[in-house]
Amino acid sequence: MSTSQAPPRTSALPAFNTSSYRWIILVVGTLAYATSHFARQNYTGIQKFMQADFDLDRGTLGVLAAAFFYPYALFQMPWGVASDKFGSRAVTTLGILLIAATTAGFATSQSEQALLFWRAAGGAASAVAYVSVAGGVARWFPPNERGFSQAAFGGMGGALGEGAAFFLLPVIAIYFASGWREATNTIALAIIAMAVLCAIVLRSAPAGQQATTKKPFSWQLLADPHLWCYTTLFAGFMVGTRTGQAWIAIYLADVYASAYGYDTNAAVVAAGIFATVAYSLLGRGIGVPVAGKLSDVLVRKGISRTVVVIGWLVLVIVLFQALSMRVTALWLLAIIAVLAGTSVNCFTLITASVSETYGPQKTASITGFINMCGQLVGATSLAVSGYLGVFMGGGSTDPLAEYQGVWLSGVATVTVATLVGTGLFVRLRHRAAVAAATVPQF
């Protein structure tokens, strides 16, 4: 499950070029991933305005989010295979151009059906970013920086993208543009500029190293229990991420409106600032890279990276349970948001484990399969969460009542995924211990 348990399964690992250019790759890859994150969350910070335009309830908002994530899930593996086969530079550039096109299309929507179509198209395009950048980063960074490098681009890229959706987009819509449509088009232009930057700066691998592989994914891997352990744990993170990303900003907006008397515009802006600073910047942008660095240190001390992963999932369960109790104290919400922003996004540590187990040349494609399965679970959980919130609200006049079901659905699903993944991990550890005990001693 990690370098502390067994050697990687690849026949030969490449000699890593630790050129300083790897940091440029990391920075540009982080920005590329940020565009994907903005695309997936582009409606979150402006939900209040869209609700007014289209009369959307919580259930419909959940379906709107899920409309993105099902195509996003299904296209993970095709983009991952393409990245390992043709190179992360070309594939990332193409994908980001498609993200810009679908973002602009979303701004033209005049009906719920159009919103759903462009969200789905955006999901298919946005699937490129994580797997292609993960593969490129795995080729550029040495093993002792594996956890940090994967966590840094996943954490900081996600924070920047979420910040644009939670805060920048609603601020542009309110103060600098004539509504959410024009603001969304402005962001689409910035995404085009990002695609140009990727084409100019990104490199799929260091000079002299293999950048592609002819057989990125073998179907025989489906019989490998390590793959399914990674997949189930990744699914737990995806449920946590989808739940947190989709609902944290609007939950905070309702807290500001119901508990502190803010009007709609003020509540949306205050919630956007809160979510951006606590959940995205501090929790994800800073907390996740720190968690990645910590995992590298622990692996060198002989502690499995998978044990660290399981610990973060347990924290997700605790935090969602706390939110289900309708927390309104801003100081407590700040603590929860920071910890949630870190814990739900530690899926990047699993990508580091994939690179350790199967090698950098196949990281994008195998991560694509794992991410595909995890995203399907996360999208389904997200779609159900809105309706469960409506059901558990039971006609209550408390605007926070519906969120109890939202957070509890996350608790239940993350718990199941964590238990299954932990069971597979324990079984593999036991099998490895038995195998080691039967080796003849000379």
Protein backbone atom coordinates (compact mmCIF):
# COMPACT_ATOMS: atom_id res chain seq x y z
CA MET A 1 0.00 0.00 0.00
CA SER A 2 2.99 2.32 0.32
CA THR A 3 6.77 2.26 0.13
CA SER A 4 6.83 1.39 3.82
CA GLN A 5 5.01 -1.89 3.20
CA ALA A 6 6.23 -3.28 -0.10
CA PRO A 7 8.37 -2.25 -3.04
CA PRO A 8 6.62 -0.69 -6.02
CA ARG A 9 5.30 -3.17 -8.54
CA THR A 10 6.95 -1.60 -11.55
CA SER A 11 9.91 -3.46 -12.95
CA ALA A 12 12.04 -0.33 -13.01
CA LEU A 13 11.44 3.17 -11.76
CA PRO A 14 12.84 6.07 -13.80
CA ALA A 15 15.78 8.07 -12.58
CA PHE A 16 14.15 11.28 -11.41
CA ASN A 17 15.45 14.56 -12.73
CA THR A 18 15.12 16.97 -9.82
CA SER A 19 15.53 20.03 -12.02
CA SER A 20 14.13 23.24 -10.60
CA TYR A 21 11.79 23.34 -13.59
CA ARG A 22 9.60 20.87 -11.70
CA TRP A 23 8.41 23.79 -9.57
CA ILE A 24 7.26 25.64 -12.69
CA ILE A 25 5.40 22.49 -13.72
CA LEU A 26 3.80 22.40 -10.28
CA VAL A 27 2.72 26.06 -10.39
CA VAL A 28 1.23 25.89 -13.89
CA GLY A 29 -0.37 22.52 -13.16
CA THR A 30 -1.92 24.03 -10.05
CA LEU A 31 -3.42 26.87 -12.09
CA ALA A 32 -4.70 24.39 -14.68
CA TYR A 33 -6.42 22.36 -12.00
CA ALA A 34 -7.90 25.58 -10.60
CA THR A 35 -9.76 26.13 -13.87
CA SER A 36 -11.36 22.70 -13.54
CA HIS A 37 -12.39 23.48 -9.99
CA PHE A 38 -13.95 26.75 -10.99
CA ALA A 39 -15.93 24.98 -13.71
CA ARG A 40 -17.34 22.42 -11.28
CA GLN A 41 -18.25 25.05 -8.65
CA ASN A 42 -19.11 27.98 -10.93
CA TYR A 43 -22.74 28.05 -9.80
CA THR A 44 -22.07 27.63 -6.06
CA GLY A 45 -21.34 31.25 -5.17
CA ILE A 46 -24.21 32.55 -7.33
CA GLN A 47 -26.85 30.00 -6.34
CA LYS A 48 -29.01 32.68 -4.71
CA PHE A 49 -29.16 34.66 -7.97
CA MET A 50 -29.86 31.55 -10.05
CA GLN A 51 -32.58 30.52 -7.63
CA ALA A 52 -34.22 33.88 -8.26
CA ASP A 53 -33.90 33.52 -12.07
CA PHE A 54 -35.09 29.92 -12.32
CA ASP A 55 -36.98 29.28 -9.02
CA LEU A 56 -34.72 26.36 -8.06
CA ASP A 57 -35.27 24.36 -4.85
CA ARG A 58 -32.64 22.38 -2.89
CA GLY A 59 -33.43 19.18 -4.77
CA THR A 60 -32.94 20.82 -8.16
CA LEU A 61 -29.68 22.39 -7.01
CA GLY A 62 -28.46 18.92 -6.03
CA VAL A 63 -29.38 17.55 -9.46
CA LEU A 64 -27.67 20.52 -11.14
CA ALA A 65 -24.48 19.67 -9.28
CA ALA A 66 -24.80 15.97 -10.09
CA ALA A 67 -25.35 16.77 -13.80
CA PHE A 68 -21.74 17.95 -13.84
CA PHE A 69 -20.26 15.09 -11.86
CA TYR A 70 -21.64 12.08 -13.76
CA PRO A 71 -19.95 13.11 -17.05
CA TYR A 72 -16.97 14.29 -15.00
CA ALA A 73 -16.72 10.80 -13.53
CA LEU A 74 -17.18 8.90 -16.79
CA PHE A 75 -14.54 10.95 -18.62
CA GLN A 76 -11.85 10.52 -15.95
CA MET A 77 -10.47 7.33 -17.42
CA PRO A 78 -10.55 8.39 -21.12
CA TRP A 79 -8.67 11.59 -20.26
CA GLY A 80 -6.25 9.67 -18.01
CA VAL A 81 -5.48 7.09 -20.69
CA ALA A 82 -5.05 9.88 -23.27
CA SER A 83 -2.66 11.72 -20.96
CA ASP A 84 -0.44 8.67 -20.38
CA LYS A 85 -0.58 7.78 -24.07
CA PHE A 86 -0.16 11.19 -25.76
CA GLY A 87 1.38 13.35 -23.04
CA SER A 88 -0.06 15.55 -20.32
CA ARG A 89 0.84 18.85 -22.02
CA ALA A 90 -1.33 18.48 -25.14
CA VAL A 91 -4.21 16.80 -23.32
CA THR A 92 -4.32 19.42 -20.55
CA THR A 93 -4.30 22.30 -23.05
CA LEU A 94 -7.14 20.81 -25.12
CA GLY A 95 -9.23 20.10 -22.04
CA ILE A 96 -8.91 23.62 -20.65
CA LEU A 97 -10.02 25.14 -23.97
CA LEU A 98 -13.14 22.95 -23.76
CA ILE A 99 -13.70 24.12 -20.16
CA ALA A 100 -13.70 27.73 -21.36
CA ALA A 101 -16.24 26.92 -24.09
CA THR A 102 -18.65 25.16 -21.73
CA THR A 103 -18.31 27.91 -19.10
CA ALA A 104 -19.37 30.50 -21.69
CA GLY A 105 -22.20 28.20 -22.78
CA PHE A 106 -23.50 27.95 -19.21
CA ALA A 107 -23.84 31.73 -19.11
CA THR A 108 -26.22 31.61 -22.10
CA SER A 109 -28.72 29.27 -20.38
CA GLN A 110 -32.35 30.37 -20.44
CA SER A 111 -33.94 27.27 -18.88
CA GLU A 112 -33.27 24.52 -16.35
CA GLN A 113 -32.69 22.11 -19.26
CA ALA A 114 -30.00 24.38 -20.70
CA LEU A 115 -28.35 24.69 -17.29
CA LEU A 116 -28.25 20.90 -17.01
CA PHE A 117 -26.83 20.48 -20.54
CA TRP A 118 -23.98 22.93 -20.06
CA ARG A 119 -23.20 21.56 -16.60
CA ALA A 120 -22.93 18.08 -18.12
CA ALA A 121 -20.73 19.31 -20.99
CA GLY A 122 -18.56 21.15 -18.50
CA GLY A 123 -18.18 17.96 -16.49
CA ALA A 124 -16.88 16.02 -19.49
CA ALA A 125 -14.34 18.77 -20.26
CA SER A 126 -13.23 19.37 -16.68
CA ALA A 127 -12.38 15.71 -16.11
CA VAL A 128 -9.08 16.32 -17.89
CA ALA A 129 -7.36 18.48 -15.30
CA TYR A 130 -6.77 16.32 -12.24
CA VAL A 131 -5.64 13.10 -13.94
CA SER A 132 -3.45 14.75 -16.57
CA VAL A 133 -1.72 17.06 -14.11
CA ALA A 134 -1.31 14.22 -11.59
CA GLY A 135 0.49 12.15 -14.22
CA GLY A 136 2.76 15.04 -15.17
CA VAL A 137 3.62 15.88 -11.57
CA ALA A 138 4.36 12.20 -10.83
CA ARG A 139 6.95 12.19 -13.63
CA TRP A 140 8.64 15.40 -12.53
CA PHE A 141 8.93 14.90 -8.75
CA PRO A 142 11.11 12.36 -6.91
CA PRO A 143 9.63 9.79 -4.50
CA ASN A 144 10.54 11.72 -1.34
CA GLU A 145 8.39 14.67 -2.57
CA ARG A 146 5.52 12.55 -3.88
CA GLY A 147 2.96 13.25 -1.19
CA PHE A 148 3.72 16.96 -1.02
CA SER A 149 3.71 17.53 -4.79
CA GLN A 150 0.41 15.74 -5.35
CA ALA A 151 -1.19 17.44 -2.34
CA ALA A 152 0.17 20.87 -3.30
CA PHE A 153 -1.36 21.02 -6.76
CA GLY A 154 -4.58 19.36 -5.61
CA GLY A 155 -4.89 21.54 -2.54
CA MET A 156 -3.82 24.92 -3.86
CA GLY A 157 -5.41 24.42 -7.28
CA GLY A 158 -8.68 23.47 -5.67
CA ALA A 159 -8.48 26.45 -3.32
CA LEU A 160 -7.95 28.90 -6.17
CA GLY A 161 -10.79 27.42 -8.21
CA GLU A 162 -13.17 27.31 -5.28
CA GLY A 163 -12.21 30.85 -4.33
CA ALA A 164 -13.10 32.06 -7.83
CA ALA A 165 -16.49 30.32 -7.58
CA PHE A 166 -17.29 31.09 -3.93
CA PHE A 167 -16.11 34.68 -3.84
CA LEU A 168 -14.69 36.16 -7.05
CA LEU A 169 -17.62 35.24 -9.30
CA PRO A 170 -20.37 36.59 -7.00
CA VAL A 171 -18.36 39.78 -6.34
CA ILE A 172 -17.90 40.35 -10.08
CA ALA A 173 -21.60 39.61 -10.63
CA ILE A 174 -22.72 42.10 -7.96
CA TYR A 175 -20.22 44.93 -8.29
CA PHE A 176 -18.46 44.77 -11.68
CA ALA A 177 -20.79 43.13 -14.19
CA SER A 178 -24.45 43.19 -15.11
CA GLY A 179 -25.31 39.93 -13.36
CA TRP A 180 -24.01 36.40 -13.06
CA ARG A 181 -24.01 35.72 -16.82
CA GLU A 182 -21.58 38.49 -17.73
CA ALA A 183 -19.42 37.60 -14.74
CA THR A 184 -19.23 33.97 -15.90
CA ASN A 185 -18.18 35.06 -19.40
CA THR A 186 -15.40 37.15 -17.87
CA ILE A 187 -14.04 34.09 -16.09
CA ALA A 188 -14.28 32.08 -19.35
CA LEU A 189 -11.86 34.53 -20.99
CA ALA A 190 -9.40 34.01 -18.14
CA ILE A 191 -9.65 30.22 -18.68
CA ILE A 192 -8.69 30.66 -22.35
CA ALA A 193 -5.58 32.53 -21.24
CA MET A 194 -4.80 29.59 -18.94
CA ALA A 195 -4.95 27.15 -21.86
CA VAL A 196 -2.43 29.26 -23.79
CA LEU A 197 -0.10 29.28 -20.76
CA CYS A 198 -0.29 25.48 -20.50
CA ALA A 199 0.59 25.06 -24.17
CA ILE A 200 3.65 27.28 -23.77
CA VAL A 201 5.00 26.17 -20.37
CA LEU A 202 3.97 22.59 -19.56
CA ARG A 203 6.21 19.62 -20.39
CA SER A 204 4.98 16.04 -20.04
CA ALA A 205 8.25 14.76 -18.53
CA PRO A 206 11.84 15.88 -17.87
CA ALA A 207 14.24 15.69 -20.81
CA GLY A 208 15.50 12.17 -21.35
CA GLN A 209 12.61 10.52 -19.51
CA GLN A 210 9.70 8.62 -20.97
CA ALA A 211 6.65 10.89 -21.22
CA THR A 212 4.12 8.38 -22.57
CA THR A 213 3.34 4.67 -22.49
CA LYS A 214 1.67 2.43 -25.06
CA LYS A 215 -0.37 0.47 -22.50
CA PRO A 216 -1.51 2.89 -19.78
CA PHE A 217 -4.08 0.62 -18.13
CA SER A 218 -4.35 -3.16 -18.05
CA TRP A 219 -7.74 -4.70 -17.35
CA GLN A 220 -5.99 -7.43 -15.36
CA LEU A 221 -5.61 -4.79 -12.66
CA LEU A 222 -9.28 -5.26 -11.83
CA ALA A 223 -8.27 -8.40 -9.96
CA ASP A 224 -5.85 -6.44 -7.78
CA PRO A 225 -7.23 -5.81 -4.26
CA HIS A 226 -4.87 -2.84 -3.83
CA LEU A 227 -6.72 -1.08 -6.64
CA TRP A 228 -10.08 -1.59 -4.93
CA CYS A 229 -8.74 -0.49 -1.55
CA TYR A 230 -7.58 2.76 -3.12
CA THR A 231 -10.86 3.09 -5.00
CA THR A 232 -13.16 2.71 -2.00
CA LEU A 233 -11.15 5.12 0.14
CA PHE A 234 -11.05 7.60 -2.75
CA ALA A 235 -14.84 7.29 -3.02
CA GLY A 236 -15.15 8.30 0.63
CA PHE A 237 -13.19 11.47 -0.08
CA MET A 238 -15.28 12.21 -3.16
CA VAL A 239 -18.48 12.06 -1.12
CA GLY A 240 -16.92 14.42 1.42
CA THR A 241 -15.61 16.75 -1.27
CA ARG A 242 -18.84 16.88 -3.24
CA THR A 243 -20.91 17.47 -0.12
CA GLY A 244 -18.60 20.13 1.28
CA GLN A 245 -18.07 22.02 -1.99
CA ALA A 246 -21.72 22.04 -2.99
CA TRP A 247 -23.28 23.00 0.33
CA ILE A 248 -20.79 24.87 2.54
CA ALA A 249 -21.18 28.30 0.91
CA ILE A 250 -24.97 28.23 0.68
CA TYR A 251 -25.22 26.85 4.24
CA LEU A 252 -23.13 29.77 5.45
CA ALA A 253 -25.30 32.21 3.47
CA ASP A 254 -28.41 30.87 5.21
CA VAL A 255 -26.64 31.09 8.58
CA TYR A 256 -25.85 34.76 7.96
CA ALA A 257 -29.41 35.45 6.77
CA SER A 258 -31.32 33.52 9.46
CA ALA A 259 -29.08 33.88 12.50
CA TYR A 260 -27.56 37.29 11.88
CA GLY A 261 -30.21 39.13 9.83
CA TYR A 262 -28.21 39.75 6.63
CA ASP A 263 -30.09 40.50 3.41
CA THR A 264 -29.54 38.19 0.42
CA ASN A 265 -26.71 40.09 -1.27
CA ALA A 266 -24.84 40.69 1.98
CA ALA A 267 -25.31 37.07 3.08
CA VAL A 268 -24.00 35.73 -0.24
CA VAL A 269 -20.90 37.96 -0.15
CA ALA A 270 -20.20 37.25 3.55
CA ALA A 271 -20.60 33.51 3.01
CA GLY A 272 -18.34 33.67 -0.04
CA ILE A 273 -15.59 35.41 1.91
CA PHE A 274 -15.97 32.99 4.81
CA ALA A 275 -15.89 29.86 2.62
CA THR A 276 -13.01 31.20 0.53
CA VAL A 277 -10.79 32.04 3.50
CA ALA A 278 -11.61 29.19 5.90
CA TYR A 279 -12.58 26.25 3.68
CA SER A 280 -10.63 26.95 0.49
CA LEU A 281 -7.54 29.02 1.31
CA LEU A 282 -6.70 27.87 4.85
CA GLY A 283 -8.22 24.39 4.75
CA ARG A 284 -7.50 23.27 1.23
CA GLY A 285 -4.84 25.68 0.01
CA ILE A 286 -2.59 25.41 3.07
CA GLY A 287 -3.86 22.41 5.03
CA VAL A 288 -3.70 19.86 2.21
CA PRO A 289 -0.06 20.54 1.20
CA VAL A 290 0.89 20.36 4.88
CA ALA A 291 -0.94 17.03 5.12
CA GLY A 292 0.94 15.82 2.05
CA LYS A 293 4.30 16.81 3.52
CA LEU A 294 3.36 15.14 6.80
CA SER A 295 2.50 11.93 4.97
CA ASP A 296 5.94 11.94 3.28
CA VAL A 297 7.59 12.26 6.69
CA LEU A 298 5.46 9.48 8.18
CA VAL A 299 6.16 7.15 5.23
CA ARG A 300 9.90 7.61 5.79
CA LYS A 301 9.31 6.63 9.43
CA GLY A 302 7.59 3.41 8.35
CA ILE A 303 3.96 4.49 8.77
CA SER A 304 1.71 3.55 5.88
CA ARG A 305 0.28 6.42 3.84
CA THR A 306 -3.00 4.51 3.78
CA VAL A 307 -3.25 4.70 7.58
CA VAL A 308 -2.94 8.47 7.29
CA VAL A 309 -5.66 8.49 4.63
CA ILE A 310 -8.06 6.54 6.86
CA GLY A 311 -7.44 8.98 9.71
CA TRP A 312 -8.48 11.93 7.54
CA LEU A 313 -11.67 10.14 6.51
CA VAL A 314 -12.61 9.57 10.14
CA LEU A 315 -12.23 13.32 10.70
CA VAL A 316 -14.58 14.00 7.76
CA ILE A 317 -17.25 11.89 9.43
CA VAL A 318 -16.89 13.77 12.73
CA LEU A 319 -17.09 17.19 11.06
CA PHE A 320 -20.18 16.39 8.98
CA GLN A 321 -21.88 15.05 12.09
CA ALA A 322 -21.16 18.36 13.82
CA LEU A 323 -22.61 20.37 10.91
CA SER A 324 -25.80 18.28 11.01
CA MET A 325 -26.45 19.80 14.44
CA ARG A 326 -27.18 23.19 12.75
CA VAL A 327 -24.10 25.02 14.01
CA THR A 328 -24.45 28.83 13.79
CA ALA A 329 -21.59 30.11 15.98
CA LEU A 330 -19.15 31.70 13.54
CA TRP A 331 -16.04 30.79 15.54
CA LEU A 332 -17.03 27.12 15.57
CA LEU A 333 -17.98 27.20 11.90
CA ALA A 334 -14.55 28.65 11.15
CA ILE A 335 -12.80 25.73 12.87
CA ILE A 336 -15.05 23.19 11.15
CA ALA A 337 -14.59 24.83 7.73
CA VAL A 338 -10.78 24.84 7.97
CA LEU A 339 -10.61 21.21 9.10
CA ALA A 340 -13.20 20.14 6.52
CA GLY A 341 -11.35 21.96 3.74
CA THR A 342 -8.25 19.95 4.63
CA SER A 343 -9.72 16.54 5.41
CA VAL A 344 -12.14 16.09 2.50
CA ASN A 345 -9.38 16.97 0.02
CA CYS A 346 -6.72 14.53 1.19
CA PHE A 347 -7.63 12.22 -1.70
CA THR A 348 -4.39 13.48 -3.26
CA LEU A 349 -2.53 11.16 -0.88
CA ILE A 350 -4.13 8.20 -2.63
CA THR A 351 -2.76 9.46 -5.94
CA ALA A 352 0.69 9.48 -4.33
CA SER A 353 0.14 5.86 -3.28
CA VAL A 354 -0.90 4.93 -6.82
CA SER A 355 2.35 6.38 -8.16
CA GLU A 356 4.30 4.40 -5.56
CA THR A 357 2.50 1.17 -6.33
CA TYR A 358 2.22 1.26 -10.12
CA GLY A 359 4.81 3.83 -11.23
CA PRO A 360 4.65 7.39 -12.62
CA GLN A 361 4.07 6.28 -16.23
CA LYS A 362 0.65 4.85 -15.36
CA THR A 363 -0.40 7.30 -12.67
CA ALA A 364 -2.85 9.27 -14.82
CA SER A 365 -4.69 6.26 -16.26
CA ILE A 366 -4.96 4.28 -13.02
CA THR A 367 -5.92 7.40 -11.09
CA GLY A 368 -8.48 7.98 -13.85
CA PHE A 369 -10.11 4.62 -13.11
CA ILE A 370 -10.07 5.20 -9.34
CA ASN A 371 -11.37 8.74 -9.77
CA MET A 372 -14.10 7.58 -12.16
CA CYS A 373 -15.49 5.14 -9.60
CA GLY A 374 -15.14 7.63 -6.76
CA GLN A 375 -16.77 10.44 -8.70
CA LEU A 376 -19.77 8.25 -9.57
CA VAL A 377 -20.30 7.53 -5.88
CA GLY A 378 -19.79 11.19 -5.01
CA ALA A 379 -22.19 12.42 -7.70
CA THR A 380 -24.88 9.98 -6.59
CA SER A 381 -24.47 10.99 -2.97
CA LEU A 382 -24.69 14.66 -3.94
CA ALA A 383 -27.86 14.14 -5.98
CA VAL A 384 -29.50 12.32 -3.06
CA SER A 385 -28.32 14.81 -0.44
CA GLY A 386 -30.54 17.67 -1.60
CA TYR A 387 -33.70 15.57 -1.64
CA LEU A 388 -32.84 13.97 1.70
CA GLY A 389 -32.44 17.49 3.08
CA VAL A 390 -35.92 18.46 1.83
CA PHE A 391 -37.38 15.26 3.28
CA MET A 392 -35.77 15.65 6.70
CA GLY A 393 -36.71 19.33 6.80
CA GLY A 394 -40.28 18.12 7.31
CA GLY A 395 -41.89 21.47 6.54
CA SER A 396 -39.90 23.23 9.26
CA THR A 397 -39.73 27.00 9.02
CA ASP A 398 -36.10 26.92 10.14
CA PRO A 399 -34.04 27.57 6.96
CA LEU A 400 -31.26 25.40 8.38
CA ALA A 401 -33.50 22.36 8.95
CA GLU A 402 -33.01 21.00 5.44
CA TYR A 403 -29.26 20.86 5.90
CA GLN A 404 -29.48 18.17 8.57
CA GLY A 405 -30.29 15.57 5.94
CA VAL A 406 -27.59 16.94 3.63
CA TRP A 407 -24.81 16.49 6.18
CA LEU A 408 -26.11 13.19 7.57
CA SER A 409 -26.20 11.66 4.08
CA GLY A 410 -22.50 12.52 3.86
CA VAL A 411 -21.84 10.93 7.24
CA ALA A 412 -23.51 7.67 6.21
CA THR A 413 -21.81 7.32 2.83
CA VAL A 414 -18.32 8.31 3.97
CA THR A 415 -18.62 5.85 6.86
CA VAL A 416 -19.47 2.95 4.55
CA ALA A 417 -16.61 3.75 2.15
CA THR A 418 -14.15 4.09 5.03
CA LEU A 419 -15.17 0.78 6.57
CA VAL A 420 -14.89 -1.10 3.27
CA GLY A 421 -11.52 0.45 2.40
CA THR A 422 -10.18 -0.16 5.90
CA GLY A 423 -11.31 -3.79 5.73
CA LEU A 424 -9.43 -4.32 2.46
CA PHE A 425 -6.36 -2.61 3.87
CA VAL A 426 -6.33 -4.78 7.00
CA ARG A 427 -6.74 -7.90 4.88
CA LEU A 428 -3.83 -6.92 2.64
CA ARG A 429 -1.64 -6.17 5.65
CA HIS A 430 -2.50 -9.56 7.12
CA ARG A 431 -1.73 -11.29 3.83
CA ALA A 432 1.62 -9.50 3.58
CA ALA A 433 2.50 -10.48 7.17
CA VAL A 434 1.66 -14.14 6.51
CA ALA A 435 3.70 -14.12 3.30
CA ALA A 436 6.70 -12.61 5.13
CA ALA A 437 6.45 -15.21 7.90
CA THR A 438 6.60 -18.10 5.40
CA VAL A 439 9.77 -16.90 3.65
CA PRO A 440 12.59 -19.36 4.50
CA GLN A 441 15.35 -17.91 6.63
CA PHE A 442 18.98 -18.66 5.66
